[in-house]
């Protein structure tokens, strides 16, 4: 089943910047999560989205990583998002 109704680029077909970003978001040949693959037609946006995620989840701040993850789970549940 495709990850979305929009066109996406699968990992084996990725080239250039998209291949570089795929390697960053899914190291060691792991599959790229569908939530990220949906942005495959705009590799610059995907790169920046991943950078924002890394900053929010791993950057310095008052909240622990566990607290940040808990908030993400609560928001996803409230939005009925099962990602």
PDB file of N, CA and C in Angstrom:
ATOM      1  N   UNK A   1       0.848  -1.179   0.000  1.00  0.00           N
ATOM      2  CA  UNK A   1       0.000   0.000   0.000  1.00  0.00           C
ATOM      3  C   UNK A   1       0.890   1.237   0.000  1.00  0.00           C
ATOM      4  N   UNK A   2       0.650   2.213  -0.866  1.00  0.00           N
ATOM      5  CA  UNK A   2       1.473   3.421  -0.889  1.00  0.00           C
ATOM      6  C   UNK A   2       1.252   4.244   0.377  1.00  0.00           C
ATOM      7  N   UNK A   3       2.250   5.056   0.753  1.00  0.00           N
ATOM      8  CA  UNK A   3       2.141   5.833   1.984  1.00  0.00           C
ATOM      9  C   UNK A   3       1.139   6.967   1.909  1.00  0.00           C
ATOM     10  N   UNK A   4       0.781   7.392   0.711  1.00  0.00           N
ATOM     11  CA  UNK A   4      -0.136   8.519   0.561  1.00  0.00           C
ATOM     12  C   UNK A   4      -0.682   8.532  -0.858  1.00  0.00           C
ATOM     13  N   UNK A   5      -1.671   9.351  -1.086  1.00  0.00           N
ATOM     14  CA  UNK A   5      -2.240   9.454  -2.419  1.00  0.00           C
ATOM     15  C   UNK A   5      -1.390  10.329  -3.322  1.00  0.00           C
ATOM     16  N   UNK A   6      -0.427  11.043  -2.745  1.00  0.00           N
ATOM     17  CA  UNK A   6       0.461  11.866  -3.558  1.00  0.00           C
ATOM     18  C   UNK A   6       1.625  11.018  -4.056  1.00  0.00           C
ATOM     19  N   UNK A   7       2.246  11.487  -5.101  1.00  0.00           N
ATOM     20  CA  UNK A   7       3.418  10.785  -5.630  1.00  0.00           C
ATOM     21  C   UNK A   7       4.564  10.881  -4.629  1.00  0.00           C
ATOM     22  N   UNK A   8       5.292   9.791  -4.461  1.00  0.00           N
ATOM     23  CA  UNK A   8       6.470   9.779  -3.596  1.00  0.00           C
ATOM     24  C   UNK A   8       7.616   9.117  -4.332  1.00  0.00           C
ATOM     25  N   UNK A   9       8.816   9.306  -3.807  1.00  0.00           N
ATOM     26  CA  UNK A   9      10.003   8.673  -4.369  1.00  0.00           C
ATOM     27  C   UNK A   9      10.480   7.628  -3.364  1.00  0.00           C
ATOM     28  N   UNK A  10      10.512   6.383  -3.778  1.00  0.00           N
ATOM     29  CA  UNK A  10      10.978   5.302  -2.911  1.00  0.00           C
ATOM     30  C   UNK A  10      12.492   5.401  -2.728  1.00  0.00           C
ATOM     31  N   UNK A  11      12.984   4.852  -1.648  1.00  0.00           N
ATOM     32  CA  UNK A  11      14.410   4.943  -1.334  1.00  0.00           C
ATOM     33  C   UNK A  11      15.324   4.488  -2.482  1.00  0.00           C
ATOM     34  N   UNK A  12      15.046   3.363  -3.135  1.00  0.00           N
ATOM     35  CA  UNK A  12      15.968   2.941  -4.210  1.00  0.00           C
ATOM     36  C   UNK A  12      16.058   3.919  -5.376  1.00  0.00           C
ATOM     37  N   UNK A  13      15.021   4.713  -5.585  1.00  0.00           N
ATOM     38  CA  UNK A  13      15.008   5.656  -6.705  1.00  0.00           C
ATOM     39  C   UNK A  13      15.527   7.038  -6.316  1.00  0.00           C
ATOM     40  N   UNK A  14      15.796   7.250  -5.037  1.00  0.00           N
ATOM     41  CA  UNK A  14      16.243   8.567  -4.572  1.00  0.00           C
ATOM     42  C   UNK A  14      17.649   8.862  -5.078  1.00  0.00           C
ATOM     43  N   UNK A  15      17.852  10.106  -5.489  1.00  0.00           N
ATOM     44  CA  UNK A  15      19.160  10.554  -5.975  1.00  0.00           C
ATOM     45  C   UNK A  15      19.502  11.895  -5.337  1.00  0.00           C
ATOM     46  N   UNK A  16      20.769  12.254  -5.370  1.00  0.00           N
ATOM     47  CA  UNK A  16      21.213  13.572  -4.935  1.00  0.00           C
ATOM     48  C   UNK A  16      20.831  13.899  -3.512  1.00  0.00           C
ATOM     49  N   UNK A  17      20.268  15.097  -3.322  1.00  0.00           N
ATOM     50  CA  UNK A  17      19.906  15.567  -1.988  1.00  0.00           C
ATOM     51  C   UNK A  17      18.919  14.621  -1.313  1.00  0.00           C
ATOM     52  N   UNK A  18      17.938  14.117  -2.064  1.00  0.00           N
ATOM     53  CA  UNK A  18      16.959  13.218  -1.462  1.00  0.00           C
ATOM     54  C   UNK A  18      17.631  11.956  -0.928  1.00  0.00           C
ATOM     55  N   UNK A  19      18.555  11.399  -1.667  1.00  0.00           N
ATOM     56  CA  UNK A  19      19.276  10.214  -1.185  1.00  0.00           C
ATOM     57  C   UNK A  19      20.064  10.539   0.080  1.00  0.00           C
ATOM     58  N   UNK A  20      20.676  11.726   0.120  1.00  0.00           N
ATOM     59  CA  UNK A  20      21.416  12.151   1.317  1.00  0.00           C
ATOM     60  C   UNK A  20      20.488  12.290   2.522  1.00  0.00           C
ATOM     61  N   UNK A  21      19.327  12.903   2.299  1.00  0.00           N
ATOM     62  CA  UNK A  21      18.375  13.090   3.397  1.00  0.00           C
ATOM     63  C   UNK A  21      17.839  11.736   3.857  1.00  0.00           C
ATOM     64  N   UNK A  22      17.515  10.861   2.923  1.00  0.00           N
ATOM     65  CA  UNK A  22      17.058   9.517   3.295  1.00  0.00           C
ATOM     66  C   UNK A  22      18.101   8.827   4.176  1.00  0.00           C
ATOM     67  N   UNK A  23      19.361   8.953   3.821  1.00  0.00           N
ATOM     68  CA  UNK A  23      20.425   8.322   4.615  1.00  0.00           C
ATOM     69  C   UNK A  23      20.480   8.909   6.023  1.00  0.00           C
ATOM     70  N   UNK A  24      20.139  10.184   6.157  1.00  0.00           N
ATOM     71  CA  UNK A  24      20.136  10.835   7.476  1.00  0.00           C
ATOM     72  C   UNK A  24      18.933  10.421   8.314  1.00  0.00           C
ATOM     73  N   UNK A  25      17.760  10.361   7.698  1.00  0.00           N
ATOM     74  CA  UNK A  25      16.542  10.079   8.460  1.00  0.00           C
ATOM     75  C   UNK A  25      16.336   8.588   8.705  1.00  0.00           C
ATOM     76  N   UNK A  26      16.965   7.758   7.905  1.00  0.00           N
ATOM     77  CA  UNK A  26      16.834   6.305   8.060  1.00  0.00           C
ATOM     78  C   UNK A  26      18.199   5.661   7.812  1.00  0.00           C
ATOM     79  N   UNK A  27      19.103   5.783   8.783  1.00  0.00           N
ATOM     80  CA  UNK A  27      20.454   5.252   8.585  1.00  0.00           C
ATOM     81  C   UNK A  27      20.478   3.729   8.479  1.00  0.00           C
ATOM     82  N   UNK A  28      21.559   3.234   7.956  1.00  0.00           N
ATOM     83  CA  UNK A  28      21.806   1.787   7.836  1.00  0.00           C
ATOM     84  C   UNK A  28      20.779   1.069   6.975  1.00  0.00           C
ATOM     85  N   UNK A  29      20.219   1.788   5.997  1.00  0.00           N
ATOM     86  CA  UNK A  29      19.300   1.144   5.061  1.00  0.00           C
ATOM     87  C   UNK A  29      17.913   0.863   5.606  1.00  0.00           C
ATOM     88  N   UNK A  30      17.590   1.401   6.775  1.00  0.00           N
ATOM     89  CA  UNK A  30      16.241   1.226   7.324  1.00  0.00           C
ATOM     90  C   UNK A  30      15.240   1.913   6.405  1.00  0.00           C
ATOM     91  N   UNK A  31      14.009   1.449   6.377  1.00  0.00           N
ATOM     92  CA  UNK A  31      13.023   2.127   5.529  1.00  0.00           C
ATOM     93  C   UNK A  31      12.708   3.524   6.049  1.00  0.00           C
ATOM     94  N   UNK A  32      12.471   4.435   5.134  1.00  0.00           N
ATOM     95  CA  UNK A  32      12.086   5.795   5.499  1.00  0.00           C
ATOM     96  C   UNK A  32      10.625   5.753   5.945  1.00  0.00           C
ATOM     97  N   UNK A  33      10.336   6.360   7.081  1.00  0.00           N
ATOM     98  CA  UNK A  33       8.958   6.383   7.587  1.00  0.00           C
ATOM     99  C   UNK A  33       8.045   7.066   6.574  1.00  0.00           C
ATOM    100  N   UNK A  34       6.837   6.553   6.443  1.00  0.00           N
ATOM    101  CA  UNK A  34       5.886   7.109   5.476  1.00  0.00           C
ATOM    102  C   UNK A  34       5.626   8.588   5.713  1.00  0.00           C
ATOM    103  N   UNK A  35       5.602   9.009   6.967  1.00  0.00           N
ATOM    104  CA  UNK A  35       5.353  10.423   7.270  1.00  0.00           C
ATOM    105  C   UNK A  35       6.437  11.306   6.654  1.00  0.00           C
ATOM    106  N   UNK A  36       7.643  10.754   6.498  1.00  0.00           N
ATOM    107  CA  UNK A  36       8.730  11.493   5.870  1.00  0.00           C
ATOM    108  C   UNK A  36       8.751  11.279   4.355  1.00  0.00           C
ATOM    109  N   UNK A  37       8.457  10.083   3.909  1.00  0.00           N
ATOM    110  CA  UNK A  37       8.469   9.797   2.475  1.00  0.00           C
ATOM    111  C   UNK A  37       7.452  10.654   1.731  1.00  0.00           C
ATOM    112  N   UNK A  38       6.401  11.070   2.410  1.00  0.00           N
ATOM    113  CA  UNK A  38       5.388  11.932   1.778  1.00  0.00           C
ATOM    114  C   UNK A  38       5.971  13.266   1.333  1.00  0.00           C
ATOM    115  N   UNK A  39       7.148  13.608   1.844  1.00  0.00           N
ATOM    116  CA  UNK A  39       7.794  14.868   1.464  1.00  0.00           C
ATOM    117  C   UNK A  39       8.910  14.655   0.441  1.00  0.00           C
ATOM    118  N   UNK A  40       8.962  13.475  -0.143  1.00  0.00           N
ATOM    119  CA  UNK A  40      10.087  13.119  -1.004  1.00  0.00           C
ATOM    120  C   UNK A  40      10.204  13.955  -2.280  1.00  0.00           C
ATOM    121  N   UNK A  41       9.134  14.603  -2.713  1.00  0.00           N
ATOM    122  CA  UNK A  41       9.228  15.442  -3.906  1.00  0.00           C
ATOM    123  C   UNK A  41       9.821  16.811  -3.598  1.00  0.00           C
ATOM    124  N   UNK A  42      10.037  17.082  -2.311  1.00  0.00           N
ATOM    125  CA  UNK A  42      10.618  18.366  -1.896  1.00  0.00           C
ATOM    126  C   UNK A  42      11.728  18.067  -0.884  1.00  0.00           C
ATOM    127  N   UNK A  43      12.889  17.594  -1.361  1.00  0.00           N
ATOM    128  CA  UNK A  43      13.942  17.177  -0.443  1.00  0.00           C
ATOM    129  C   UNK A  43      14.438  18.272   0.491  1.00  0.00           C
ATOM    130  N   UNK A  44      14.408  19.523   0.024  1.00  0.00           N
ATOM    131  CA  UNK A  44      14.846  20.617   0.898  1.00  0.00           C
ATOM    132  C   UNK A  44      13.897  20.743   2.096  1.00  0.00           C
ATOM    133  N   UNK A  45      12.606  20.654   1.828  1.00  0.00           N
ATOM    134  CA  UNK A  45      11.616  20.715   2.896  1.00  0.00           C
ATOM    135  C   UNK A  45      11.749  19.544   3.850  1.00  0.00           C
ATOM    136  N   UNK A  46      11.989  18.364   3.302  1.00  0.00           N
ATOM    137  CA  UNK A  46      12.192  17.178   4.136  1.00  0.00           C
ATOM    138  C   UNK A  46      13.414  17.359   5.022  1.00  0.00           C
ATOM    139  N   UNK A  47      14.493  17.865   4.444  1.00  0.00           N
ATOM    140  CA  UNK A  47      15.717  18.094   5.215  1.00  0.00           C
ATOM    141  C   UNK A  47      15.440  19.060   6.369  1.00  0.00           C
ATOM    142  N   UNK A  48      14.739  20.155   6.091  1.00  0.00           N
ATOM    143  CA  UNK A  48      14.456  21.148   7.125  1.00  0.00           C
ATOM    144  C   UNK A  48      13.466  20.623   8.158  1.00  0.00           C
ATOM    145  N   UNK A  49      12.488  19.846   7.723  1.00  0.00           N
ATOM    146  CA  UNK A  49      11.539  19.233   8.653  1.00  0.00           C
ATOM    147  C   UNK A  49      12.278  18.313   9.628  1.00  0.00           C
ATOM    148  N   UNK A  50      13.184  17.519   9.103  1.00  0.00           N
ATOM    149  CA  UNK A  50      13.944  16.606   9.952  1.00  0.00           C
ATOM    150  C   UNK A  50      14.842  17.387  10.918  1.00  0.00           C
ATOM    151  N   UNK A  51      15.438  18.468  10.449  1.00  0.00           N
ATOM    152  CA  UNK A  51      16.271  19.296  11.328  1.00  0.00           C
ATOM    153  C   UNK A  51      15.437  19.900  12.454  1.00  0.00           C
ATOM    154  N   UNK A  52      14.231  20.375  12.124  1.00  0.00           N
ATOM    155  CA  UNK A  52      13.346  20.930  13.152  1.00  0.00           C
ATOM    156  C   UNK A  52      12.975  19.855  14.171  1.00  0.00           C
ATOM    157  N   UNK A  53      12.617  18.678  13.680  1.00  0.00           N
ATOM    158  CA  UNK A  53      12.278  17.568  14.581  1.00  0.00           C
ATOM    159  C   UNK A  53      13.442  17.263  15.524  1.00  0.00           C
ATOM    160  N   UNK A  54      14.649  17.168  14.984  1.00  0.00           N
ATOM    161  CA  UNK A  54      15.830  16.858  15.809  1.00  0.00           C
ATOM    162  C   UNK A  54      16.055  17.945  16.863  1.00  0.00           C
ATOM    163  N   UNK A  55      15.861  19.203  16.484  1.00  0.00           N
ATOM    164  CA  UNK A  55      16.028  20.294  17.436  1.00  0.00           C
ATOM    165  C   UNK A  55      14.982  20.211  18.539  1.00  0.00           C
ATOM    166  N   UNK A  56      13.730  19.998  18.157  1.00  0.00           N
ATOM    167  CA  UNK A  56      12.658  19.951  19.146  1.00  0.00           C
ATOM    168  C   UNK A  56      12.780  18.762  20.088  1.00  0.00           C
ATOM    169  N   UNK A  57      13.171  17.620  19.561  1.00  0.00           N
ATOM    170  CA  UNK A  57      13.196  16.410  20.388  1.00  0.00           C
ATOM    171  C   UNK A  57      14.519  16.200  21.122  1.00  0.00           C
ATOM    172  N   UNK A  58      15.615  16.694  20.576  1.00  0.00           N
ATOM    173  CA  UNK A  58      16.922  16.415  21.166  1.00  0.00           C
ATOM    174  C   UNK A  58      17.684  17.653  21.609  1.00  0.00           C
ATOM    175  N   UNK A  59      17.185  18.846  21.272  1.00  0.00           N
ATOM    176  CA  UNK A  59      17.875  20.085  21.624  1.00  0.00           C
ATOM    177  C   UNK A  59      17.789  20.378  23.119  1.00  0.00           C
ATOM    178  N   UNK A  60      18.589  21.331  23.530  1.00  0.00           N
ATOM    179  CA  UNK A  60      18.564  21.741  24.934  1.00  0.00           C
ATOM    180  C   UNK A  60      17.235  22.405  25.248  1.00  0.00           C
ATOM    181  N   UNK A  61      16.784  22.201  26.469  1.00  0.00           N
ATOM    182  CA  UNK A  61      15.537  22.818  26.896  1.00  0.00           C
ATOM    183  C   UNK A  61      15.157  22.317  28.278  1.00  0.00           C
ATOM    184  N   UNK A  62      14.085  22.856  28.808  1.00  0.00           N
ATOM    185  CA  UNK A  62      13.649  22.523  30.162  1.00  0.00           C
ATOM    186  C   UNK A  62      12.999  21.142  30.242  1.00  0.00           C
ATOM    187  N   UNK A  63      12.494  20.638  29.126  1.00  0.00           N
ATOM    188  CA  UNK A  63      11.801  19.351  29.146  1.00  0.00           C
ATOM    189  C   UNK A  63      12.751  18.201  28.841  1.00  0.00           C
ATOM    190  N   UNK A  64      12.547  17.087  29.529  1.00  0.00           N
ATOM    191  CA  UNK A  64      13.342  15.890  29.255  1.00  0.00           C
ATOM    192  C   UNK A  64      12.870  15.263  27.942  1.00  0.00           C
ATOM    193  N   UNK A  65      13.680  14.391  27.414  1.00  0.00           N
ATOM    194  CA  UNK A  65      13.312  13.676  26.179  1.00  0.00           C
ATOM    195  C   UNK A  65      12.032  12.875  26.411  1.00  0.00           C
ATOM    196  N   UNK A  66      11.939  12.213  27.572  1.00  0.00           N
ATOM    197  CA  UNK A  66      10.747  11.422  27.885  1.00  0.00           C
ATOM    198  C   UNK A  66       9.505  12.307  27.924  1.00  0.00           C
ATOM    199  N   UNK A  67       9.622  13.493  28.492  1.00  0.00           N
ATOM    200  CA  UNK A  67       8.490  14.421  28.558  1.00  0.00           C
ATOM    201  C   UNK A  67       8.090  14.876  27.157  1.00  0.00           C
ATOM    202  N   UNK A  68       9.054  15.155  26.321  1.00  0.00           N
ATOM    203  CA  UNK A  68       8.766  15.578  24.941  1.00  0.00           C
ATOM    204  C   UNK A  68       8.039  14.472  24.193  1.00  0.00           C
ATOM    205  N   UNK A  69       8.508  13.235  24.354  1.00  0.00           N
ATOM    206  CA  UNK A  69       7.861  12.092  23.706  1.00  0.00           C
ATOM    207  C   UNK A  69       6.440  11.909  24.230  1.00  0.00           C
ATOM    208  N   UNK A  70       6.251  12.091  25.527  1.00  0.00           N
ATOM    209  CA  UNK A  70       4.920  11.952  26.126  1.00  0.00           C
ATOM    210  C   UNK A  70       3.958  12.985  25.550  1.00  0.00           C
ATOM    211  N   UNK A  71       4.426  14.197  25.384  1.00  0.00           N
ATOM    212  CA  UNK A  71       3.595  15.250  24.788  1.00  0.00           C
ATOM    213  C   UNK A  71       3.235  14.883  23.352  1.00  0.00           C
ATOM    214  N   UNK A  72       4.202  14.389  22.597  1.00  0.00           N
ATOM    215  CA  UNK A  72       3.946  13.991  21.208  1.00  0.00           C
ATOM    216  C   UNK A  72       2.905  12.874  21.148  1.00  0.00           C
ATOM    217  N   UNK A  73       2.991  11.924  22.051  1.00  0.00           N
ATOM    218  CA  UNK A  73       2.020  10.822  22.082  1.00  0.00           C
ATOM    219  C   UNK A  73       0.636  11.352  22.434  1.00  0.00           C
ATOM    220  N   UNK A  74       0.562  12.240  23.420  1.00  0.00           N
ATOM    221  CA  UNK A  74      -0.729  12.804  23.833  1.00  0.00           C
ATOM    222  C   UNK A  74      -1.376  13.594  22.694  1.00  0.00           C
ATOM    223  N   UNK A  75      -0.581  14.391  22.002  1.00  0.00           N
ATOM    224  CA  UNK A  75      -1.113  15.185  20.886  1.00  0.00           C
ATOM    225  C   UNK A  75      -1.569  14.257  19.764  1.00  0.00           C
ATOM    226  N   UNK A  76      -0.788  13.246  19.453  1.00  0.00           N
ATOM    227  CA  UNK A  76      -1.179  12.299  18.403  1.00  0.00           C
ATOM    228  C   UNK A  76      -2.482  11.584  18.771  1.00  0.00           C
ATOM    229  N   UNK A  77      -2.615  11.189  20.033  1.00  0.00           N
ATOM    230  CA  UNK A  77      -3.847  10.524  20.475  1.00  0.00           C
ATOM    231  C   UNK A  77      -5.037  11.477  20.368  1.00  0.00           C
ATOM    232  N   UNK A  78      -4.854  12.731  20.793  1.00  0.00           N
ATOM    233  CA  UNK A  78      -5.940  13.706  20.713  1.00  0.00           C
ATOM    234  C   UNK A  78      -6.356  13.953  19.266  1.00  0.00           C
ATOM    235  N   UNK A  79      -5.400  13.887  18.341  1.00  0.00           N
ATOM    236  CA  UNK A  79      -5.666  14.083  16.919  1.00  0.00           C
ATOM    237  C   UNK A  79      -6.084  12.789  16.220  1.00  0.00           C
ATOM    238  N   UNK A  80      -6.182  11.710  16.972  1.00  0.00           N
ATOM    239  CA  UNK A  80      -6.492  10.388  16.419  1.00  0.00           C
ATOM    240  C   UNK A  80      -5.509  10.004  15.313  1.00  0.00           C
ATOM    241  N   UNK A  81      -4.252  10.368  15.536  1.00  0.00           N
ATOM    242  CA  UNK A  81      -3.159  10.035  14.615  1.00  0.00           C
ATOM    243  C   UNK A  81      -2.425   8.823  15.175  1.00  0.00           C
ATOM    244  N   UNK A  82      -2.363   7.765  14.407  1.00  0.00           N
ATOM    245  CA  UNK A  82      -1.748   6.536  14.905  1.00  0.00           C
ATOM    246  C   UNK A  82      -0.321   6.362  14.445  1.00  0.00           C
ATOM    247  N   UNK A  83       0.282   7.433  13.933  1.00  0.00           N
ATOM    248  CA  UNK A  83       1.680   7.386  13.554  1.00  0.00           C
ATOM    249  C   UNK A  83       2.485   7.209  14.819  1.00  0.00           C
TER     250      UNK A  83
END
